[in-house]
Protein backbone atom coordinates (compact mmCIF):
# COMPACT_ATOMS: atom_id res chain seq x y z
CA PHE A 1 -24.81 -65.28 97.93
CA PHE A 2 -23.53 -66.64 101.39
CA CYS A 3 -21.09 -69.20 102.45
CA LEU A 4 -20.86 -71.44 105.78
CA PHE A 5 -17.62 -73.11 106.76
CA SER A 6 -15.56 -74.19 109.23
CA ARG A 7 -12.07 -72.32 109.68
CA SER A 8 -10.14 -75.49 109.62
CA SER A 9 -11.14 -76.20 106.14
CA ALA A 10 -12.24 -72.49 104.99
CA LYS A 11 -9.90 -72.48 101.74
CA LEU A 12 -11.40 -75.89 100.65
CA VAL A 13 -15.04 -75.50 101.39
CA ALA A 14 -15.53 -71.80 100.95
CA PRO A 15 -15.96 -71.96 97.33
CA LEU A 16 -18.29 -75.25 97.31
CA GLY A 17 -20.33 -73.59 99.92
CA CYS A 18 -20.85 -70.67 97.82
CA LEU A 19 -21.89 -73.06 95.01
CA VAL A 20 -24.22 -74.92 96.89
CA SER A 21 -25.98 -72.21 98.74
CA ARG A 22 -26.39 -69.75 95.95
CA GLN A 23 -29.91 -68.20 95.48
CA LYS A 24 -31.81 -70.34 92.68
CA HIS A 25 -34.29 -68.48 90.47
CA THR A 26 -37.77 -69.12 91.01
CA LEU A 27 -40.91 -68.87 89.00
CA PRO A 28 -42.86 -65.61 89.93
CA ASP A 29 -46.35 -65.78 90.78
CA LEU A 30 -48.73 -64.21 88.48
CA PRO A 31 -50.25 -60.84 89.64
CA TYR A 32 -53.79 -62.46 88.39
CA ASP A 33 -55.75 -65.72 87.94
CA TYR A 34 -55.07 -67.85 84.82
CA ALA A 35 -58.70 -67.00 83.49
CA ALA A 36 -58.10 -63.21 84.36
CA LEU A 37 -57.20 -62.40 80.78
CA GLU A 38 -60.15 -64.06 78.96
CA PRO A 39 -61.67 -63.85 76.44
CA HIS A 40 -58.42 -62.31 75.03
CA ILE A 41 -56.10 -64.72 76.23
CA ASN A 42 -57.58 -68.09 77.61
CA ALA A 43 -56.67 -69.72 81.07
CA GLU A 44 -55.70 -73.15 79.32
CA ILE A 45 -52.81 -71.16 77.62
CA MET A 46 -51.96 -68.94 80.48
CA GLN A 47 -51.80 -71.88 82.73
CA LEU A 48 -49.37 -73.94 80.20
CA HIS A 49 -47.44 -71.00 79.14
CA HIS A 50 -46.68 -69.80 83.11
CA SER A 51 -46.64 -73.11 84.97
CA LYS A 52 -44.89 -75.22 82.27
CA HIS A 53 -43.07 -73.13 79.71
CA HIS A 54 -41.66 -70.54 82.09
CA ALA A 55 -41.04 -73.04 84.87
CA THR A 56 -38.96 -74.91 82.54
CA TYR A 57 -36.71 -71.97 81.48
CA VAL A 58 -36.31 -71.38 85.45
CA ASN A 59 -35.38 -74.88 86.06
CA ASN A 60 -32.82 -75.10 83.10
CA LEU A 61 -31.32 -72.01 83.81
CA ASN A 62 -30.71 -72.89 87.50
CA VAL A 63 -29.03 -76.09 86.22
CA ALA A 64 -26.95 -74.24 83.51
CA GLU A 65 -25.75 -71.87 86.30
CA GLU A 66 -24.96 -74.64 88.62
CA LYS A 67 -22.63 -76.23 85.82
CA TYR A 68 -21.41 -72.62 84.73
CA LYS A 69 -20.30 -72.05 88.63
CA GLU A 70 -18.44 -75.40 88.95
CA ALA A 71 -16.73 -74.82 85.76
CA LEU A 72 -15.60 -71.42 86.72
CA ALA A 73 -14.18 -72.69 90.23
CA LYS A 74 -12.15 -75.47 88.02
CA GLY A 75 -10.86 -72.86 85.69
CA ASP A 76 -12.73 -74.66 82.90
CA VAL A 77 -12.94 -72.21 80.18
CA THR A 78 -14.22 -74.65 77.72
CA THR A 79 -17.12 -75.68 79.69
CA GLN A 80 -18.02 -71.86 80.56
CA VAL A 81 -18.09 -71.30 76.79
CA SER A 82 -19.99 -74.36 75.76
CA LEU A 83 -22.79 -73.15 78.43
CA GLN A 84 -23.28 -69.65 77.30
CA PRO A 85 -26.14 -70.60 74.71
CA ALA A 86 -27.97 -72.40 77.40
CA LEU A 87 -27.42 -69.25 79.85
CA LYS A 88 -28.74 -67.10 76.93
CA PHE A 89 -31.70 -69.00 76.05
CA ASN A 90 -32.99 -69.96 79.58
CA GLY A 91 -31.80 -66.73 81.22
CA GLY A 92 -33.67 -64.73 78.33
CA GLY A 93 -36.67 -66.97 78.86
CA HIS A 94 -36.93 -66.01 82.66
CA ILE A 95 -36.05 -62.45 82.01
CA ASN A 96 -38.86 -62.10 79.04
CA HIS A 97 -41.61 -63.99 80.79
CA SER A 98 -41.16 -61.93 84.38
CA ILE A 99 -41.57 -58.95 82.46
CA PHE A 100 -44.49 -60.30 80.09
CA TRP A 101 -46.76 -61.18 82.99
CA THR A 102 -46.43 -57.72 84.62
CA ASN A 103 -47.02 -56.16 81.12
CA LEU A 104 -50.60 -57.87 81.09
CA SER A 105 -53.63 -56.95 83.09
CA PRO A 106 -57.28 -57.95 83.05
CA ASN A 107 -57.84 -54.15 83.56
CA GLY A 108 -55.36 -53.23 80.68
CA GLY A 109 -56.23 -52.09 77.24
CA GLY A 110 -56.89 -48.61 75.91
CA GLU A 111 -54.18 -45.94 75.76
CA PRO A 112 -51.32 -44.86 78.21
CA LYS A 113 -51.25 -41.56 79.75
CA GLY A 114 -48.93 -39.07 80.89
CA GLU A 115 -45.11 -38.98 79.94
CA LEU A 116 -45.31 -42.20 78.22
CA MET A 117 -48.10 -41.17 75.63
CA GLU A 118 -46.01 -38.13 75.24
CA ALA A 119 -43.08 -40.10 74.24
CA ILE A 120 -44.92 -42.44 72.01
CA LYS A 121 -46.49 -39.21 70.10
CA ARG A 122 -42.92 -37.41 70.07
CA ASP A 123 -41.09 -40.74 68.57
CA PHE A 124 -44.06 -42.50 66.54
CA GLY A 125 -46.14 -39.59 65.54
CA SER A 126 -49.30 -41.17 67.22
CA PHE A 127 -50.40 -43.71 69.60
CA ALA A 128 -52.33 -45.42 66.41
CA ASN A 129 -48.77 -45.34 64.27
CA PHE A 130 -47.07 -46.85 67.33
CA LYS A 131 -49.42 -49.57 67.44
CA GLU A 132 -49.30 -50.23 63.88
CA LYS A 133 -45.49 -50.61 63.94
CA LEU A 134 -45.17 -52.87 67.05
CA THR A 135 -47.86 -55.15 65.85
CA ALA A 136 -46.19 -55.42 62.48
CA VAL A 137 -42.80 -55.88 63.73
CA SER A 138 -44.38 -58.72 66.06
CA VAL A 139 -46.18 -60.40 63.12
CA GLY A 140 -43.27 -60.06 61.02
CA VAL A 141 -40.71 -62.03 63.42
CA GLN A 142 -39.85 -65.44 61.56
CA GLY A 143 -40.29 -68.45 63.77
CA SER A 144 -40.42 -67.89 67.49
CA GLY A 145 -39.64 -64.59 69.28
CA TRP A 146 -40.49 -61.29 70.72
CA GLY A 147 -41.42 -57.85 69.66
CA TRP A 148 -40.68 -55.12 71.92
CA LEU A 149 -41.08 -51.54 72.86
CA GLY A 150 -37.52 -50.42 74.68
CA TYR A 151 -36.04 -47.32 75.87
CA ASN A 152 -32.62 -46.21 74.06
CA LYS A 153 -31.05 -44.26 77.01
CA GLU A 154 -28.26 -42.93 75.23
CA GLN A 155 -30.56 -41.35 72.53
CA GLY A 156 -33.36 -40.53 75.24
CA ARG A 157 -36.05 -42.11 73.00
CA LEU A 158 -38.30 -45.09 72.62
CA GLN A 159 -37.54 -47.77 70.03
CA ILE A 160 -39.21 -50.67 68.44
CA ALA A 161 -37.23 -53.91 68.12
CA ALA A 162 -37.85 -57.63 67.55
CA CYS A 163 -35.94 -60.47 69.14
CA ALA A 164 -35.52 -64.00 68.12
CA ASN A 165 -36.11 -66.88 70.22
CA GLN A 166 -35.82 -66.03 74.01
CA ASP A 167 -32.91 -63.16 73.33
CA PRO A 168 -33.15 -60.89 75.83
CA LEU A 169 -33.87 -57.09 74.82
CA GLN A 170 -31.30 -55.31 76.81
CA GLY A 171 -28.70 -58.06 76.85
CA THR A 172 -28.58 -58.14 73.16
CA THR A 173 -29.46 -54.79 72.00
CA GLY A 174 -28.88 -52.40 74.81
CA LEU A 175 -32.55 -51.08 74.84
CA ILE A 176 -34.29 -51.24 78.25
CA PRO A 177 -37.41 -53.48 77.88
CA LEU A 178 -40.65 -51.67 78.65
CA LEU A 179 -43.28 -53.75 76.80
CA GLY A 180 -42.80 -57.09 75.32
CA ILE A 181 -45.07 -59.20 73.04
CA ASP A 182 -44.21 -62.85 73.13
CA VAL A 183 -45.03 -64.35 69.57
CA TRP A 184 -43.92 -67.88 70.38
CA GLU A 185 -46.86 -70.04 69.22
CA HIS A 186 -47.31 -71.44 72.69
CA ALA A 187 -48.20 -68.00 73.50
CA TYR A 188 -51.38 -68.35 71.42
CA TYR A 189 -51.71 -71.44 69.29
CA LEU A 190 -54.39 -73.21 71.59
CA GLN A 191 -56.74 -70.42 71.00
CA TYR A 192 -55.75 -68.70 67.57
CA LYS A 193 -53.98 -71.56 66.01
CA ASN A 194 -51.35 -70.27 63.29
CA VAL A 195 -53.19 -66.96 63.05
CA ARG A 196 -50.56 -64.59 64.69
CA PRO A 197 -52.34 -61.31 63.70
CA ASP A 198 -55.51 -62.31 65.54
CA TYR A 199 -53.67 -62.73 68.79
CA LEU A 200 -51.69 -59.40 68.39
CA LYS A 201 -55.14 -57.58 67.81
CA ALA A 202 -56.46 -59.47 70.96
CA ILE A 203 -53.41 -58.62 73.33
CA TRP A 204 -53.80 -55.01 73.10
CA ASN A 205 -56.95 -55.10 75.01
CA VAL A 206 -54.97 -56.71 78.10
CA ILE A 207 -51.84 -54.41 77.76
CA ASN A 208 -51.11 -52.83 81.49
CA TRP A 209 -50.31 -49.23 80.56
CA GLU A 210 -49.55 -48.67 84.33
CA ASN A 211 -46.89 -50.91 84.26
CA VAL A 212 -45.22 -49.73 81.15
CA SER A 213 -45.45 -46.50 82.29
CA SER A 214 -43.78 -47.31 85.67
CA ARG A 215 -41.02 -48.94 83.81
CA TYR A 216 -40.67 -45.95 81.69
CA ALA A 217 -40.45 -43.72 84.32
CA THR A 218 -37.93 -45.87 86.23
CA CYS A 219 -35.42 -46.28 83.31
CA LYS A 220 -35.46 -42.30 82.80
CA LYS A 221 -34.15 -41.67 86.34
């Protein structure tokens, strides 16, 4: 953040300058075309999911942060508290989707290699067992939410978890997110209707294991 203000009105303008000139969150570009994940996830879903749903989280997060900054400057604790749900929901939506897009790739699928594969075998017995467990947890999310593979830094092991709505994994469980599977209906309904298991079966064909492995290597440092 940066502030531009004159010396004569520094005390008054500085806080406002910080509010006005703070960096806003922006919608990240996809690292592939909307149609690149077909036939597993079609272009119409990807376009709506990215350009409409994720964009809405970004816009609403910026609005909520602006209101929070103003409340902070006024010392208005009541408003700060009332804004927490919007910050959690839209901030989580932005965080989760920013991870999700990179977790997918038209060149994905198959199985991971190296340290990540060794850790999966150590913590879940086999890749097949891990895949079955993460799929089951994701299918079992009631309503809207996410299935996650996370890293428990304190225990030094991988864990599977589910989060409701747009609750961010690390902010709500402490686990570092490695792989997230979006099971909100907007992620699959246009193609798979209400048959979530079919979507979950298909998504394994586009999982970007290089990205997941990179995240794992980074969080272990």
